[in-house]
């Protein structure tokens, strides 16, 4: 049985989608998910988590900011669609 967050990730992937990137927040970052994506030829654009008890390194913060810049407009569309239901 797959962990709940991996089940959601696997269900969200569609082989008909020709894009090779998978975008998600840090809740989906795990070794199992990263291995799964790599084996299936998908590029992970999943946010990194802040290390516990330490400040987030600058390069990780910048990388997450770039990912957020791409994700934010799409998240807004999903939020509007969700409100319409």
N, C-alpha and C. Protein backbone atom coordinates (compact mmCIF):
# COMPACT_ATOMS: atom_id res chain seq x y z
N UNK A 1 0.84 -1.18 0.00
CA UNK A 1 0.00 0.00 0.00
C UNK A 1 0.88 1.25 0.00
N UNK A 2 0.52 2.21 -0.81
CA UNK A 2 1.28 3.45 -0.91
C UNK A 2 0.90 4.41 0.21
N UNK A 3 1.87 5.22 0.68
CA UNK A 3 1.54 6.25 1.66
C UNK A 3 0.53 7.23 1.06
N UNK A 4 -0.30 7.88 1.89
CA UNK A 4 -1.35 8.77 1.37
C UNK A 4 -0.85 9.85 0.42
N UNK A 5 0.26 10.51 0.76
CA UNK A 5 0.72 11.58 -0.14
C UNK A 5 1.25 11.02 -1.45
N UNK A 6 1.79 9.80 -1.44
CA UNK A 6 2.27 9.19 -2.69
C UNK A 6 1.09 8.73 -3.53
N UNK A 7 0.04 8.24 -2.90
CA UNK A 7 -1.16 7.82 -3.63
C UNK A 7 -1.73 9.01 -4.39
N UNK A 8 -1.80 10.17 -3.74
CA UNK A 8 -2.32 11.37 -4.40
C UNK A 8 -1.41 11.78 -5.56
N UNK A 9 -0.11 11.66 -5.37
CA UNK A 9 0.83 12.02 -6.42
C UNK A 9 0.68 11.10 -7.62
N UNK A 10 0.62 9.81 -7.39
CA UNK A 10 0.49 8.83 -8.47
C UNK A 10 -0.83 9.05 -9.21
N UNK A 11 -1.90 9.32 -8.47
CA UNK A 11 -3.20 9.54 -9.10
C UNK A 11 -3.22 10.80 -9.95
N UNK A 12 -2.43 11.80 -9.56
CA UNK A 12 -2.42 13.07 -10.28
C UNK A 12 -1.62 13.01 -11.58
N UNK A 13 -0.74 12.04 -11.71
CA UNK A 13 0.09 11.94 -12.90
C UNK A 13 -0.69 11.31 -14.04
N UNK A 14 -0.57 11.90 -15.20
CA UNK A 14 -1.29 11.42 -16.38
C UNK A 14 -0.26 11.22 -17.49
N UNK A 15 -0.13 10.02 -17.99
CA UNK A 15 0.87 9.71 -19.01
C UNK A 15 0.59 10.43 -20.33
N UNK A 16 -0.63 10.91 -20.53
CA UNK A 16 -0.93 11.65 -21.75
C UNK A 16 -0.36 13.06 -21.70
N UNK A 17 0.00 13.51 -20.50
CA UNK A 17 0.59 14.83 -20.34
C UNK A 17 2.05 14.75 -20.79
N UNK A 18 2.41 15.56 -21.76
CA UNK A 18 3.77 15.47 -22.31
C UNK A 18 4.77 16.33 -21.55
N UNK A 19 4.32 17.12 -20.60
CA UNK A 19 5.25 17.91 -19.79
C UNK A 19 6.02 16.96 -18.87
N UNK A 20 7.29 17.25 -18.65
CA UNK A 20 8.09 16.34 -17.84
C UNK A 20 8.24 16.82 -16.41
N UNK A 21 7.66 17.96 -16.06
CA UNK A 21 7.81 18.49 -14.72
C UNK A 21 6.60 18.23 -13.84
N UNK A 22 6.87 17.96 -12.57
CA UNK A 22 5.80 17.78 -11.59
C UNK A 22 5.96 18.89 -10.57
N UNK A 23 4.92 19.69 -10.39
CA UNK A 23 4.95 20.83 -9.49
C UNK A 23 4.08 20.53 -8.29
N UNK A 24 4.65 20.70 -7.09
CA UNK A 24 3.88 20.45 -5.87
C UNK A 24 4.54 21.18 -4.70
N UNK A 25 3.79 21.28 -3.59
CA UNK A 25 4.38 21.91 -2.42
C UNK A 25 5.20 20.89 -1.64
N UNK A 26 5.81 21.34 -0.57
CA UNK A 26 6.78 20.52 0.15
C UNK A 26 6.17 19.28 0.82
N UNK A 27 4.86 19.23 0.96
CA UNK A 27 4.23 18.05 1.55
C UNK A 27 4.47 16.81 0.70
N UNK A 28 4.74 16.99 -0.59
CA UNK A 28 4.95 15.86 -1.48
C UNK A 28 6.41 15.49 -1.65
N UNK A 29 7.33 16.19 -1.00
CA UNK A 29 8.75 15.87 -1.12
C UNK A 29 9.10 14.75 -0.14
N UNK A 30 9.45 13.61 -0.68
CA UNK A 30 9.93 12.48 0.11
C UNK A 30 10.86 11.67 -0.79
N UNK A 31 11.67 10.85 -0.19
CA UNK A 31 12.59 10.02 -1.00
C UNK A 31 11.81 9.08 -1.91
N UNK A 32 10.71 8.52 -1.39
CA UNK A 32 9.90 7.60 -2.21
C UNK A 32 9.30 8.32 -3.41
N UNK A 33 8.75 9.51 -3.18
CA UNK A 33 8.15 10.26 -4.29
C UNK A 33 9.20 10.68 -5.31
N UNK A 34 10.35 11.15 -4.82
CA UNK A 34 11.40 11.58 -5.73
C UNK A 34 11.91 10.39 -6.56
N UNK A 35 12.07 9.22 -5.93
CA UNK A 35 12.49 8.02 -6.64
C UNK A 35 11.45 7.62 -7.68
N UNK A 36 10.18 7.66 -7.30
CA UNK A 36 9.09 7.32 -8.22
C UNK A 36 9.12 8.24 -9.44
N UNK A 37 9.24 9.53 -9.21
CA UNK A 37 9.26 10.48 -10.32
C UNK A 37 10.46 10.23 -11.23
N UNK A 38 11.61 10.01 -10.64
CA UNK A 38 12.83 9.77 -11.43
C UNK A 38 12.69 8.51 -12.28
N UNK A 39 12.15 7.44 -11.70
CA UNK A 39 11.98 6.18 -12.45
C UNK A 39 11.03 6.33 -13.62
N UNK A 40 10.04 7.23 -13.49
CA UNK A 40 9.04 7.40 -14.54
C UNK A 40 9.39 8.56 -15.48
N UNK A 41 10.60 9.09 -15.34
CA UNK A 41 11.06 10.12 -16.27
C UNK A 41 10.48 11.49 -16.05
N UNK A 42 9.94 11.75 -14.88
CA UNK A 42 9.38 13.05 -14.57
C UNK A 42 10.39 13.89 -13.81
N UNK A 43 10.39 15.19 -14.07
CA UNK A 43 11.30 16.11 -13.37
C UNK A 43 10.56 16.67 -12.16
N UNK A 44 11.19 16.61 -11.01
CA UNK A 44 10.58 17.10 -9.79
C UNK A 44 10.80 18.60 -9.63
N UNK A 45 9.72 19.34 -9.51
CA UNK A 45 9.76 20.77 -9.19
C UNK A 45 9.07 20.98 -7.84
N UNK A 46 9.25 20.04 -6.95
CA UNK A 46 8.61 20.06 -5.65
C UNK A 46 9.44 20.96 -4.72
N UNK A 47 8.74 21.79 -3.94
CA UNK A 47 9.42 22.69 -2.99
C UNK A 47 10.22 21.88 -1.97
N UNK A 48 11.27 22.50 -1.46
CA UNK A 48 12.08 21.91 -0.40
C UNK A 48 11.59 22.41 0.95
N UNK A 49 11.69 21.56 1.96
CA UNK A 49 11.33 21.95 3.31
C UNK A 49 12.50 22.63 4.00
N UNK A 50 12.18 23.48 4.96
CA UNK A 50 13.20 24.11 5.78
C UNK A 50 13.75 23.07 6.74
N UNK A 51 15.07 23.01 6.91
CA UNK A 51 15.64 22.06 7.87
C UNK A 51 15.16 22.40 9.29
N UNK A 52 14.84 21.39 10.06
CA UNK A 52 14.35 21.59 11.41
C UNK A 52 15.39 22.27 12.29
N UNK A 53 14.98 23.33 12.96
CA UNK A 53 15.86 24.01 13.90
C UNK A 53 16.97 24.83 13.27
N UNK A 54 16.94 24.99 11.96
CA UNK A 54 17.97 25.75 11.26
C UNK A 54 17.30 26.73 10.30
N UNK A 55 17.99 27.80 9.96
CA UNK A 55 17.43 28.68 8.93
C UNK A 55 17.50 28.01 7.57
N UNK A 56 16.59 28.39 6.69
CA UNK A 56 16.62 27.82 5.35
C UNK A 56 17.80 28.39 4.58
N UNK A 57 18.62 27.53 3.97
CA UNK A 57 19.74 28.03 3.17
C UNK A 57 19.26 28.94 2.04
N UNK A 58 20.05 29.94 1.73
CA UNK A 58 19.66 30.94 0.72
C UNK A 58 19.36 30.32 -0.64
N UNK A 59 20.16 29.34 -1.07
CA UNK A 59 19.94 28.76 -2.40
C UNK A 59 18.62 27.98 -2.45
N UNK A 60 18.23 27.36 -1.36
CA UNK A 60 16.95 26.65 -1.32
C UNK A 60 15.80 27.65 -1.29
N UNK A 61 15.95 28.72 -0.53
CA UNK A 61 14.92 29.76 -0.47
C UNK A 61 14.70 30.37 -1.85
N UNK A 62 15.80 30.65 -2.57
CA UNK A 62 15.68 31.22 -3.92
C UNK A 62 15.01 30.23 -4.88
N UNK A 63 15.38 28.95 -4.77
CA UNK A 63 14.77 27.93 -5.63
C UNK A 63 13.28 27.80 -5.37
N UNK A 64 12.89 27.80 -4.10
CA UNK A 64 11.46 27.74 -3.77
C UNK A 64 10.72 28.97 -4.28
N UNK A 65 11.38 30.14 -4.21
CA UNK A 65 10.75 31.38 -4.70
C UNK A 65 10.48 31.29 -6.21
N UNK A 66 11.44 30.74 -6.94
CA UNK A 66 11.25 30.57 -8.39
C UNK A 66 10.09 29.61 -8.66
N UNK A 67 10.04 28.51 -7.92
CA UNK A 67 8.95 27.55 -8.09
C UNK A 67 7.60 28.20 -7.77
N UNK A 68 7.57 29.01 -6.71
CA UNK A 68 6.33 29.68 -6.31
C UNK A 68 5.86 30.66 -7.38
N UNK A 69 6.80 31.30 -8.02
CA UNK A 69 6.46 32.28 -9.07
C UNK A 69 5.72 31.58 -10.22
N UNK A 70 6.09 30.35 -10.51
CA UNK A 70 5.44 29.59 -11.58
C UNK A 70 4.12 28.98 -11.10
N UNK A 71 4.06 28.57 -9.85
CA UNK A 71 2.88 27.88 -9.33
C UNK A 71 1.74 28.83 -8.97
N UNK A 72 2.05 30.03 -8.48
CA UNK A 72 1.04 30.94 -7.95
C UNK A 72 -0.10 31.24 -8.93
N UNK A 73 0.18 31.57 -10.19
CA UNK A 73 -0.94 31.85 -11.10
C UNK A 73 -1.87 30.63 -11.30
N UNK A 74 -1.30 29.45 -11.31
CA UNK A 74 -2.11 28.24 -11.51
C UNK A 74 -2.93 27.94 -10.26
N UNK A 75 -2.31 28.12 -9.09
CA UNK A 75 -3.04 27.90 -7.83
C UNK A 75 -4.26 28.82 -7.75
N UNK A 76 -4.12 30.04 -8.26
CA UNK A 76 -5.23 30.99 -8.24
C UNK A 76 -6.39 30.47 -9.09
N UNK A 77 -6.08 29.91 -10.24
CA UNK A 77 -7.12 29.35 -11.11
C UNK A 77 -7.85 28.22 -10.39
N UNK A 78 -7.09 27.33 -9.73
CA UNK A 78 -7.73 26.24 -8.99
C UNK A 78 -8.61 26.77 -7.87
N UNK A 79 -8.17 27.82 -7.18
CA UNK A 79 -8.96 28.38 -6.08
C UNK A 79 -10.27 28.96 -6.60
N UNK A 80 -10.25 29.65 -7.74
CA UNK A 80 -11.47 30.22 -8.32
C UNK A 80 -12.41 29.10 -8.74
N UNK A 81 -11.87 28.04 -9.34
CA UNK A 81 -12.72 26.92 -9.76
C UNK A 81 -13.34 26.24 -8.54
N UNK A 82 -12.57 26.11 -7.47
CA UNK A 82 -13.07 25.46 -6.27
C UNK A 82 -14.20 26.27 -5.64
N UNK A 83 -14.09 27.62 -5.68
CA UNK A 83 -15.13 28.47 -5.12
C UNK A 83 -16.43 28.36 -5.92
N UNK A 84 -16.30 28.10 -7.21
CA UNK A 84 -17.48 28.03 -8.08
C UNK A 84 -18.32 26.79 -7.79
N UNK A 85 -17.75 25.80 -7.16
CA UNK A 85 -18.47 24.55 -6.90
C UNK A 85 -19.41 24.69 -5.73
